Full PDB file with SEQRES, HELIX, SHEET, SSBOND, CRYST1, ORIGX, SCALE, CONECT and MASTER records, all heavy atoms in Angstrom:
SEQRES   1 A   34  SER GLU ALA GLU PHE GLY ARG LEU TYR THR ALA SER ARG          
SEQRES   2 A   34  THR PRO VAL ARG GLU ALA CYS ARG ARG LEU GLU HIS GLU          
SEQRES   3 A   34  GLY LEU ILE ARG ILE ILE PRO PHE                              
HELIX    1 AA1 GLU A    2  TYR A    9  1                                   8    
HELIX    2 AA2 ARG A   13  HIS A   25  1                                  13    
CRYST1    1.000    1.000    1.000  90.00  90.00  90.00 P 1           1          
ORIGX1      1.000000  0.000000  0.000000        0.00000                         
ORIGX2      0.000000  1.000000  0.000000        0.00000                         
ORIGX3      0.000000  0.000000  1.000000        0.00000                         
SCALE1      1.000000  0.000000  0.000000        0.00000                         
SCALE2      0.000000  1.000000  0.000000        0.00000                         
SCALE3      0.000000  0.000000  1.000000        0.00000                         
ATOM      1  N   SER A   1      -2.721  -4.041   6.339  1.00  0.00           N  
ATOM      2  CA  SER A   1      -2.207  -5.050   5.418  1.00  0.00           C  
ATOM      3  C   SER A   1      -2.594  -4.636   4.003  1.00  0.00           C  
ATOM      4  O   SER A   1      -3.455  -3.765   3.804  1.00  0.00           O  
ATOM      5  CB  SER A   1      -2.808  -6.419   5.741  1.00  0.00           C  
ATOM      6  OG  SER A   1      -4.205  -6.416   5.478  1.00  0.00           O  
ATOM      7  N   GLU A   2      -1.975  -5.267   3.007  1.00  0.00           N  
ATOM      8  CA  GLU A   2      -2.364  -4.998   1.622  1.00  0.00           C  
ATOM      9  C   GLU A   2      -3.833  -5.342   1.405  1.00  0.00           C  
ATOM     10  O   GLU A   2      -4.548  -4.622   0.700  1.00  0.00           O  
ATOM     11  CB  GLU A   2      -1.495  -5.805   0.659  1.00  0.00           C  
ATOM     12  CG  GLU A   2      -0.103  -5.248   0.476  1.00  0.00           C  
ATOM     13  CD  GLU A   2       0.698  -6.016  -0.570  1.00  0.00           C  
ATOM     14  OE1 GLU A   2       0.168  -7.004  -1.120  1.00  0.00           O  
ATOM     15  OE2 GLU A   2       1.843  -5.618  -0.841  1.00  0.00           O  
ATOM     16  N   ALA A   3      -4.279  -6.416   2.027  1.00  0.00           N  
ATOM     17  CA  ALA A   3      -5.672  -6.828   1.867  1.00  0.00           C  
ATOM     18  C   ALA A   3      -6.623  -5.788   2.450  1.00  0.00           C  
ATOM     19  O   ALA A   3      -7.678  -5.492   1.870  1.00  0.00           O  
ATOM     20  CB  ALA A   3      -5.896  -8.181   2.536  1.00  0.00           C  
ATOM     21  N   GLU A   4      -6.252  -5.214   3.594  1.00  0.00           N  
ATOM     22  CA  GLU A   4      -7.107  -4.184   4.208  1.00  0.00           C  
ATOM     23  C   GLU A   4      -7.190  -2.955   3.330  1.00  0.00           C  
ATOM     24  O   GLU A   4      -8.270  -2.382   3.140  1.00  0.00           O  
ATOM     25  CB  GLU A   4      -6.562  -3.826   5.592  1.00  0.00           C  
ATOM     26  CG  GLU A   4      -6.800  -4.884   6.650  1.00  0.00           C  
ATOM     27  CD  GLU A   4      -6.127  -4.553   7.960  1.00  0.00           C  
ATOM     28  OE1 GLU A   4      -4.969  -4.086   7.947  1.00  0.00           O  
ATOM     29  OE2 GLU A   4      -6.761  -4.758   9.014  1.00  0.00           O  
ATOM     30  N   PHE A   5      -6.061  -2.518   2.806  1.00  0.00           N  
ATOM     31  CA  PHE A   5      -6.078  -1.394   1.873  1.00  0.00           C  
ATOM     32  C   PHE A   5      -6.925  -1.728   0.654  1.00  0.00           C  
ATOM     33  O   PHE A   5      -7.680  -0.895   0.147  1.00  0.00           O  
ATOM     34  CB  PHE A   5      -4.660  -1.024   1.433  1.00  0.00           C  
ATOM     35  CG  PHE A   5      -3.966  -0.039   2.323  1.00  0.00           C  
ATOM     36  CD1 PHE A   5      -2.610  -0.169   2.587  1.00  0.00           C  
ATOM     37  CD2 PHE A   5      -4.643   1.036   2.871  1.00  0.00           C  
ATOM     38  CE1 PHE A   5      -1.948   0.744   3.401  1.00  0.00           C  
ATOM     39  CE2 PHE A   5      -3.994   1.963   3.685  1.00  0.00           C  
ATOM     40  CZ  PHE A   5      -2.641   1.807   3.942  1.00  0.00           C  
ATOM     41  N   GLY A   6      -6.786  -2.950   0.167  1.00  0.00           N  
ATOM     42  CA  GLY A   6      -7.550  -3.374  -1.000  1.00  0.00           C  
ATOM     43  C   GLY A   6      -9.041  -3.307  -0.764  1.00  0.00           C  
ATOM     44  O   GLY A   6      -9.801  -2.838  -1.621  1.00  0.00           O  
ATOM     45  N   ARG A   7      -9.477  -3.773   0.404  1.00  0.00           N  
ATOM     46  CA  ARG A   7     -10.910  -3.709   0.731  1.00  0.00           C  
ATOM     47  C   ARG A   7     -11.376  -2.267   0.909  1.00  0.00           C  
ATOM     48  O   ARG A   7     -12.469  -1.893   0.461  1.00  0.00           O  
ATOM     49  CB  ARG A   7     -11.190  -4.513   2.005  1.00  0.00           C  
ATOM     50  CG  ARG A   7     -11.109  -6.026   1.814  1.00  0.00           C  
ATOM     51  CD  ARG A   7     -11.699  -6.759   2.996  1.00  0.00           C  
ATOM     52  NE  ARG A   7     -10.944  -6.519   4.225  1.00  0.00           N  
ATOM     53  CZ  ARG A   7      -9.906  -7.240   4.624  1.00  0.00           C  
ATOM     54  NH1 ARG A   7      -9.489  -8.264   3.878  1.00  0.00           N  
ATOM     55  NH2 ARG A   7      -9.286  -6.978   5.759  1.00  0.00           N  
ATOM     56  N   LEU A   8     -10.533  -1.464   1.555  1.00  0.00           N  
ATOM     57  CA  LEU A   8     -10.908  -0.082   1.848  1.00  0.00           C  
ATOM     58  C   LEU A   8     -11.035   0.749   0.577  1.00  0.00           C  
ATOM     59  O   LEU A   8     -11.915   1.611   0.473  1.00  0.00           O  
ATOM     60  CB  LEU A   8      -9.870   0.543   2.792  1.00  0.00           C  
ATOM     61  CG  LEU A   8     -10.185   1.901   3.400  1.00  0.00           C  
ATOM     62  CD1 LEU A   8     -11.461   1.843   4.230  1.00  0.00           C  
ATOM     63  CD2 LEU A   8      -9.024   2.372   4.262  1.00  0.00           C  
ATOM     64  N   TYR A   9     -10.170   0.484  -0.398  1.00  0.00           N  
ATOM     65  CA  TYR A   9     -10.139   1.299  -1.617  1.00  0.00           C  
ATOM     66  C   TYR A   9     -10.562   0.527  -2.864  1.00  0.00           C  
ATOM     67  O   TYR A   9     -10.412   1.034  -3.980  1.00  0.00           O  
ATOM     68  CB  TYR A   9      -8.740   1.893  -1.798  1.00  0.00           C  
ATOM     69  CG  TYR A   9      -8.408   2.905  -0.724  1.00  0.00           C  
ATOM     70  CD1 TYR A   9      -7.700   2.518   0.415  1.00  0.00           C  
ATOM     71  CD2 TYR A   9      -8.834   4.223  -0.820  1.00  0.00           C  
ATOM     72  CE1 TYR A   9      -7.408   3.431   1.422  1.00  0.00           C  
ATOM     73  CE2 TYR A   9      -8.558   5.141   0.168  1.00  0.00           C  
ATOM     74  CZ  TYR A   9      -7.849   4.742   1.292  1.00  0.00           C  
ATOM     75  OH  TYR A   9      -7.568   5.645   2.291  1.00  0.00           O  
ATOM     76  N   THR A  10     -11.103  -0.654  -2.661  1.00  0.00           N  
ATOM     77  CA  THR A  10     -11.573  -1.496  -3.776  1.00  0.00           C  
ATOM     78  C   THR A  10     -10.498  -1.610  -4.845  1.00  0.00           C  
ATOM     79  O   THR A  10     -10.673  -1.227  -6.008  1.00  0.00           O  
ATOM     80  CB  THR A  10     -12.877  -0.915  -4.387  1.00  0.00           C  
ATOM     81  OG1 THR A  10     -13.752  -0.490  -3.349  1.00  0.00           O  
ATOM     82  CG2 THR A  10     -13.576  -1.958  -5.224  1.00  0.00           C  
ATOM     83  N   ALA A  11      -9.360  -2.128  -4.443  1.00  0.00           N  
ATOM     84  CA  ALA A  11      -8.222  -2.256  -5.354  1.00  0.00           C  
ATOM     85  C   ALA A  11      -7.527  -3.590  -5.121  1.00  0.00           C  
ATOM     86  O   ALA A  11      -7.578  -4.142  -4.024  1.00  0.00           O  
ATOM     87  CB  ALA A  11      -7.243  -1.107  -5.142  1.00  0.00           C  
ATOM     88  N   SER A  12      -6.871  -4.087  -6.152  1.00  0.00           N  
ATOM     89  CA  SER A  12      -6.113  -5.335  -6.026  1.00  0.00           C  
ATOM     90  C   SER A  12      -4.751  -5.046  -5.402  1.00  0.00           C  
ATOM     91  O   SER A  12      -4.340  -3.891  -5.259  1.00  0.00           O  
ATOM     92  CB  SER A  12      -5.939  -5.996  -7.391  1.00  0.00           C  
ATOM     93  OG  SER A  12      -5.216  -5.155  -8.263  1.00  0.00           O  
ATOM     94  N   ARG A  13      -4.033  -6.108  -5.074  1.00  0.00           N  
ATOM     95  CA  ARG A  13      -2.789  -5.950  -4.328  1.00  0.00           C  
ATOM     96  C   ARG A  13      -1.679  -5.257  -5.116  1.00  0.00           C  
ATOM     97  O   ARG A  13      -0.898  -4.496  -4.539  1.00  0.00           O  
ATOM     98  CB  ARG A  13      -2.299  -7.315  -3.844  1.00  0.00           C  
ATOM     99  CG  ARG A  13      -3.180  -7.915  -2.766  1.00  0.00           C  
ATOM    100  CD  ARG A  13      -2.518  -9.072  -2.068  1.00  0.00           C  
ATOM    101  NE  ARG A  13      -3.303  -9.503  -0.916  1.00  0.00           N  
ATOM    102  CZ  ARG A  13      -2.866 -10.342   0.009  1.00  0.00           C  
ATOM    103  NH1 ARG A  13      -1.637 -10.847  -0.095  1.00  0.00           N  
ATOM    104  NH2 ARG A  13      -3.627 -10.690   1.024  1.00  0.00           N  
ATOM    105  N   THR A  14      -1.622  -5.482  -6.415  1.00  0.00           N  
ATOM    106  CA  THR A  14      -0.531  -4.882  -7.196  1.00  0.00           C  
ATOM    107  C   THR A  14      -0.594  -3.353  -7.210  1.00  0.00           C  
ATOM    108  O   THR A  14       0.409  -2.686  -6.906  1.00  0.00           O  
ATOM    109  CB  THR A  14      -0.517  -5.433  -8.630  1.00  0.00           C  
ATOM    110  OG1 THR A  14      -0.311  -6.852  -8.581  1.00  0.00           O  
ATOM    111  CG2 THR A  14       0.588  -4.793  -9.443  1.00  0.00           C  
ATOM    112  N   PRO A  15      -1.737  -2.721  -7.533  1.00  0.00           N  
ATOM    113  CA  PRO A  15      -1.781  -1.253  -7.447  1.00  0.00           C  
ATOM    114  C   PRO A  15      -1.627  -0.731  -6.025  1.00  0.00           C  
ATOM    115  O   PRO A  15      -1.051   0.340  -5.811  1.00  0.00           O  
ATOM    116  CB  PRO A  15      -3.151  -0.892  -8.030  1.00  0.00           C  
ATOM    117  CG  PRO A  15      -3.943  -2.144  -8.027  1.00  0.00           C  
ATOM    118  CD  PRO A  15      -2.964  -3.262  -8.148  1.00  0.00           C  
ATOM    119  N   VAL A  16      -2.132  -1.468  -5.017  1.00  0.00           N  
ATOM    120  CA  VAL A  16      -1.934  -1.056  -3.624  1.00  0.00           C  
ATOM    121  C   VAL A  16      -0.444  -1.018  -3.311  1.00  0.00           C  
ATOM    122  O   VAL A  16       0.060  -0.063  -2.709  1.00  0.00           O  
ATOM    123  CB  VAL A  16      -2.665  -2.012  -2.658  1.00  0.00           C  
ATOM    124  CG1 VAL A  16      -2.153  -1.826  -1.223  1.00  0.00           C  
ATOM    125  CG2 VAL A  16      -4.166  -1.776  -2.707  1.00  0.00           C  
ATOM    126  N   ARG A  17       0.266  -2.057  -3.736  1.00  0.00           N  
ATOM    127  CA  ARG A  17       1.705  -2.143  -3.469  1.00  0.00           C  
ATOM    128  C   ARG A  17       2.455  -0.981  -4.123  1.00  0.00           C  
ATOM    129  O   ARG A  17       3.340  -0.374  -3.515  1.00  0.00           O  
ATOM    130  CB  ARG A  17       2.233  -3.480  -3.965  1.00  0.00           C  
ATOM    131  CG  ARG A  17       3.633  -3.834  -3.489  1.00  0.00           C  
ATOM    132  CD  ARG A  17       4.022  -5.238  -3.940  1.00  0.00           C  
ATOM    133  NE  ARG A  17       3.093  -6.221  -3.384  1.00  0.00           N  
ATOM    134  CZ  ARG A  17       2.430  -7.103  -4.115  1.00  0.00           C  
ATOM    135  NH1 ARG A  17       2.562  -7.108  -5.430  1.00  0.00           N  
ATOM    136  NH2 ARG A  17       1.617  -7.978  -3.547  1.00  0.00           N  
ATOM    137  N   GLU A  18       2.104  -0.662  -5.363  1.00  0.00           N  
ATOM    138  CA  GLU A  18       2.784   0.419  -6.073  1.00  0.00           C  
ATOM    139  C   GLU A  18       2.466   1.781  -5.454  1.00  0.00           C  
ATOM    140  O   GLU A  18       3.357   2.625  -5.289  1.00  0.00           O  
ATOM    141  CB  GLU A  18       2.378   0.409  -7.547  1.00  0.00           C  
ATOM    142  CG  GLU A  18       2.952   1.547  -8.377  1.00  0.00           C  
ATOM    143  CD  GLU A  18       4.471   1.581  -8.408  1.00  0.00           C  
ATOM    144  OE1 GLU A  18       5.100   0.528  -8.168  1.00  0.00           O  
ATOM    145  OE2 GLU A  18       5.023   2.664  -8.675  1.00  0.00           O  
ATOM    146  N   ALA A  19       1.205   2.009  -5.098  1.00  0.00           N  
ATOM    147  CA  ALA A  19       0.825   3.279  -4.471  1.00  0.00           C  
ATOM    148  C   ALA A  19       1.548   3.453  -3.144  1.00  0.00           C  
ATOM    149  O   ALA A  19       2.036   4.549  -2.817  1.00  0.00           O  
ATOM    150  CB  ALA A  19      -0.685   3.339  -4.270  1.00  0.00           C  
ATOM    151  N   CYS A  20       1.633   2.385  -2.369  1.00  0.00           N  
ATOM    152  CA  CYS A  20       2.297   2.457  -1.065  1.00  0.00           C  
ATOM    153  C   CYS A  20       3.795   2.670  -1.212  1.00  0.00           C  
ATOM    154  O   CYS A  20       4.419   3.354  -0.384  1.00  0.00           O  
ATOM    155  CB  CYS A  20       2.013   1.196  -0.256  1.00  0.00           C  
ATOM    156  SG  CYS A  20       0.322   1.107   0.372  1.00  0.00           S  
ATOM    157  N   ARG A  21       4.375   2.097  -2.263  1.00  0.00           N  
ATOM    158  CA  ARG A  21       5.797   2.316  -2.520  1.00  0.00           C  
ATOM    159  C   ARG A  21       6.069   3.790  -2.773  1.00  0.00           C  
ATOM    160  O   ARG A  21       7.040   4.364  -2.247  1.00  0.00           O  
ATOM    161  CB  ARG A  21       6.249   1.490  -3.717  1.00  0.00           C  
ATOM    162  CG  ARG A  21       7.758   1.563  -3.989  1.00  0.00           C  
ATOM    163  CD  ARG A  21       8.096   0.977  -5.341  1.00  0.00           C  
ATOM    164  NE  ARG A  21       7.503   1.744  -6.433  1.00  0.00           N  
ATOM    165  CZ  ARG A  21       8.008   2.905  -6.881  1.00  0.00           C  
ATOM    166  NH1 ARG A  21       9.087   3.423  -6.318  1.00  0.00           N  
ATOM    167  NH2 ARG A  21       7.419   3.523  -7.881  1.00  0.00           N  
ATOM    168  N   ARG A  22       5.208   4.443  -3.536  1.00  0.00           N  
ATOM    169  CA  ARG A  22       5.365   5.878  -3.805  1.00  0.00           C  
ATOM    170  C   ARG A  22       5.171   6.707  -2.550  1.00  0.00           C  
ATOM    171  O   ARG A  22       5.896   7.671  -2.301  1.00  0.00           O  
ATOM    172  CB  ARG A  22       4.374   6.308  -4.903  1.00  0.00           C  
ATOM    173  CG  ARG A  22       4.703   5.712  -6.260  1.00  0.00           C  
ATOM    174  CD  ARG A  22       3.602   5.925  -7.277  1.00  0.00           C  
ATOM    175  NE  ARG A  22       3.356   7.323  -7.562  1.00  0.00           N  
ATOM    176  CZ  ARG A  22       2.475   7.759  -8.474  1.00  0.00           C  
ATOM    177  NH1 ARG A  22       1.775   6.860  -9.180  1.00  0.00           N  
ATOM    178  NH2 ARG A  22       2.309   9.034  -8.694  1.00  0.00           N  
ATOM    179  N   LEU A  23       4.214   6.308  -1.731  1.00  0.00           N  
ATOM    180  CA  LEU A  23       3.952   7.050  -0.499  1.00  0.00           C  
ATOM    181  C   LEU A  23       5.056   6.843   0.525  1.00  0.00           C  
ATOM    182  O   LEU A  23       5.328   7.738   1.326  1.00  0.00           O  
ATOM    183  CB  LEU A  23       2.597   6.627   0.072  1.00  0.00           C  
ATOM    184  CG  LEU A  23       1.399   7.072  -0.769  1.00  0.00           C  
ATOM    185  CD1 LEU A  23       0.144   6.309  -0.368  1.00  0.00           C  
ATOM    186  CD2 LEU A  23       1.174   8.573  -0.627  1.00  0.00           C  
ATOM    187  N   GLU A  24       5.700   5.697   0.493  1.00  0.00           N  
ATOM    188  CA  GLU A  24       6.858   5.491   1.369  1.00  0.00           C  
ATOM    189  C   GLU A  24       7.975   6.453   0.980  1.00  0.00           C  
ATOM    190  O   GLU A  24       8.639   7.038   1.847  1.00  0.00           O  
ATOM    191  CB  GLU A  24       7.354   4.054   1.279  1.00  0.00           C  
ATOM    192  CG  GLU A  24       8.530   3.793   2.220  1.00  0.00           C  
ATOM    193  CD  GLU A  24       9.372   2.589   1.829  1.00  0.00           C  
ATOM    194  OE1 GLU A  24       9.362   2.224   0.646  1.00  0.00           O  
ATOM    195  OE2 GLU A  24      10.050   2.037   2.714  1.00  0.00           O  
ATOM    196  N   HIS A  25       8.193   6.616  -0.314  1.00  0.00           N  
ATOM    197  CA  HIS A  25       9.223   7.534  -0.810  1.00  0.00           C  
ATOM    198  C   HIS A  25       8.950   8.960  -0.332  1.00  0.00           C  
ATOM    199  O   HIS A  25       9.889   9.728  -0.106  1.00  0.00           O  
ATOM    200  CB  HIS A  25       9.261   7.479  -2.333  1.00  0.00           C  
ATOM    201  CG  HIS A  25      10.295   8.377  -2.942  1.00  0.00           C  
ATOM    202  ND1 HIS A  25      11.655   8.135  -2.863  1.00  0.00           N  
ATOM    203  CD2 HIS A  25      10.169   9.550  -3.639  1.00  0.00           C  
ATOM    204  CE1 HIS A  25      12.308   9.094  -3.469  1.00  0.00           C  
ATOM    205  NE2 HIS A  25      11.438   9.960  -3.955  1.00  0.00           N  
ATOM    206  N   GLU A  26       7.691   9.312  -0.157  1.00  0.00           N  
ATOM    207  CA  GLU A  26       7.323  10.655   0.286  1.00  0.00           C  
ATOM    208  C   GLU A  26       7.301  10.782   1.808  1.00  0.00           C  
ATOM    209  O   GLU A  26       7.018  11.851   2.332  1.00  0.00           O  
ATOM    210  CB  GLU A  26       5.950  11.030  -0.284  1.00  0.00           C  
ATOM    211  CG  GLU A  26       5.940  11.145  -1.794  1.00  0.00           C  
ATOM    212  CD  GLU A  26       4.566  11.502  -2.335  1.00  0.00           C  
ATOM    213  OE1 GLU A  26       3.679  11.895  -1.537  1.00  0.00           O  
ATOM    214  OE2 GLU A  26       4.359  11.385  -3.552  1.00  0.00           O  
ATOM    215  N   GLY A  27       7.568   9.691   2.507  1.00  0.00           N  
ATOM    216  CA  GLY A  27       7.597   9.740   3.964  1.00  0.00           C  
ATOM    217  C   GLY A  27       6.235   9.675   4.616  1.00  0.00           C  
ATOM    218  O   GLY A  27       6.093  10.014   5.798  1.00  0.00           O  
ATOM    219  N   LEU A  28       5.216   9.208   3.883  1.00  0.00           N  
ATOM    220  CA  LEU A  28       3.859   9.170   4.419  1.00  0.00           C  
ATOM    221  C   LEU A  28       3.437   7.772   4.871  1.00  0.00           C  
ATOM    222  O   LEU A  28       2.478   7.629   5.637  1.00  0.00           O  
ATOM    223  CB  LEU A  28       2.864   9.694   3.375  1.00  0.00           C  
ATOM    224  CG  LEU A  28       3.072  11.157   2.962  1.00  0.00           C  
ATOM    225  CD1 LEU A  28       2.096  11.533   1.854  1.00  0.00           C  
ATOM    226  CD2 LEU A  28       2.910  12.099   4.150  1.00  0.00           C  
ATOM    227  N   ILE A  29       4.131   6.768   4.392  1.00  0.00           N  
ATOM    228  CA  ILE A  29       3.844   5.384   4.772  1.00  0.00           C  
ATOM    229  C   ILE A  29       5.167   4.685   5.084  1.00  0.00           C  
ATOM    230  O   ILE A  29       6.196   4.997   4.485  1.00  0.00           O  
ATOM    231  CB  ILE A  29       3.103   4.639   3.629  1.00  0.00           C  
ATOM    232  CG1 ILE A  29       1.584   4.828   3.769  1.00  0.00           C  
ATOM    233  CG2 ILE A  29       3.430   3.153   3.604  1.00  0.00           C  
ATOM    234  CD1 ILE A  29       0.778   4.103   2.719  1.00  0.00           C  
ATOM    235  N   ARG A  30       5.120   3.780   6.044  1.00  0.00           N  
ATOM    236  CA  ARG A  30       6.279   2.934   6.332  1.00  0.00           C  
ATOM    237  C   ARG A  30       5.933   1.497   5.964  1.00  0.00           C  
ATOM    238  O   ARG A  30       4.850   1.018   6.302  1.00  0.00           O  
ATOM    239  CB  ARG A  30       6.663   3.018   7.816  1.00  0.00           C  
ATOM    240  CG  ARG A  30       7.158   4.398   8.227  1.00  0.00           C  
ATOM    241  CD  ARG A  30       7.564   4.429   9.685  1.00  0.00           C  
ATOM    242  NE  ARG A  30       7.982   5.764  10.090  1.00  0.00           N  
ATOM    243  CZ  ARG A  30       8.314   6.088  11.335  1.00  0.00           C  
ATOM    244  NH1 ARG A  30       8.275   5.161  12.302  1.00  0.00           N  
ATOM    245  NH2 ARG A  30       8.684   7.325  11.632  1.00  0.00           N  
ATOM    246  N   ILE A  31       6.845   0.850   5.266  1.00  0.00           N  
ATOM    247  CA  ILE A  31       6.642  -0.547   4.904  1.00  0.00           C  
ATOM    248  C   ILE A  31       7.200  -1.430   6.019  1.00  0.00           C  
ATOM    249  O   ILE A  31       8.336  -1.254   6.457  1.00  0.00           O  
ATOM    250  CB  ILE A  31       7.330  -0.872   3.569  1.00  0.00           C  
ATOM    251  CG1 ILE A  31       6.675  -0.069   2.433  1.00  0.00           C  
ATOM    252  CG2 ILE A  31       7.260  -2.366   3.274  1.00  0.00           C  
ATOM    253  CD1 ILE A  31       7.331  -0.266   1.076  1.00  0.00           C  
ATOM    254  N   ILE A  32       6.371  -2.344   6.494  1.00  0.00           N  
ATOM    255  CA  ILE A  32       6.775  -3.280   7.542  1.00  0.00           C  
ATOM    256  C   ILE A  32       6.982  -4.641   6.874  1.00  0.00           C  
ATOM    257  O   ILE A  32       6.002  -5.281   6.471  1.00  0.00           O  
ATOM    258  CB  ILE A  32       5.706  -3.388   8.640  1.00  0.00           C  
ATOM    259  CG1 ILE A  32       5.339  -1.990   9.161  1.00  0.00           C  
ATOM    260  CG2 ILE A  32       6.189  -4.271   9.781  1.00  0.00           C  
ATOM    261  CD1 ILE A  32       4.153  -1.983  10.107  1.00  0.00           C  
ATOM    262  N   PRO A  33       8.224  -5.082   6.723  1.00  0.00           N  
ATOM    263  CA  PRO A  33       8.485  -6.336   6.005  1.00  0.00           C  
ATOM    264  C   PRO A  33       7.674  -7.511   6.551  1.00  0.00           C  
ATOM    265  O   PRO A  33       7.585  -7.705   7.768  1.00  0.00           O  
ATOM    266  CB  PRO A  33       9.992  -6.555   6.225  1.00  0.00           C  
ATOM    267  CG  PRO A  33      10.532  -5.171   6.437  1.00  0.00           C  
ATOM    268  CD  PRO A  33       9.456  -4.441   7.183  1.00  0.00           C  
ATOM    269  N   PHE A  34       7.041  -8.236   5.628  1.00  0.00           N  
ATOM    270  CA  PHE A  34       6.270  -9.450   5.921  1.00  0.00           C  
ATOM    271  C   PHE A  34       4.988  -9.174   6.732  1.00  0.00           C  
ATOM    272  O   PHE A  34       4.304 -10.103   7.127  1.00  0.00           O  
ATOM    273  CB  PHE A  34       7.122 -10.490   6.669  1.00  0.00           C  
ATOM    274  CG  PHE A  34       8.436 -10.766   6.005  1.00  0.00           C  
ATOM    275  CD1 PHE A  34       9.622 -10.357   6.595  1.00  0.00           C  
ATOM    276  CD2 PHE A  34       8.486 -11.406   4.771  1.00  0.00           C  
ATOM    277  CE1 PHE A  34      10.841 -10.602   5.974  1.00  0.00           C  
ATOM    278  CE2 PHE A  34       9.707 -11.652   4.144  1.00  0.00           C  
ATOM    279  CZ  PHE A  34      10.887 -11.251   4.752  1.00  0.00           C  
TER     280      PHE A  34                                                      
MASTER        0    0    0    2    0    0    0    6  279    1    0    3          
END                                                                             
């Protein structure tokens, strides 16, 4: 979840969301709606 990533990397949800969006574009992460 965004919260899990946030805890793991000490980051808020907005930068987590943006980083994951970039990684999805590279084929390294899949976004699961909701």
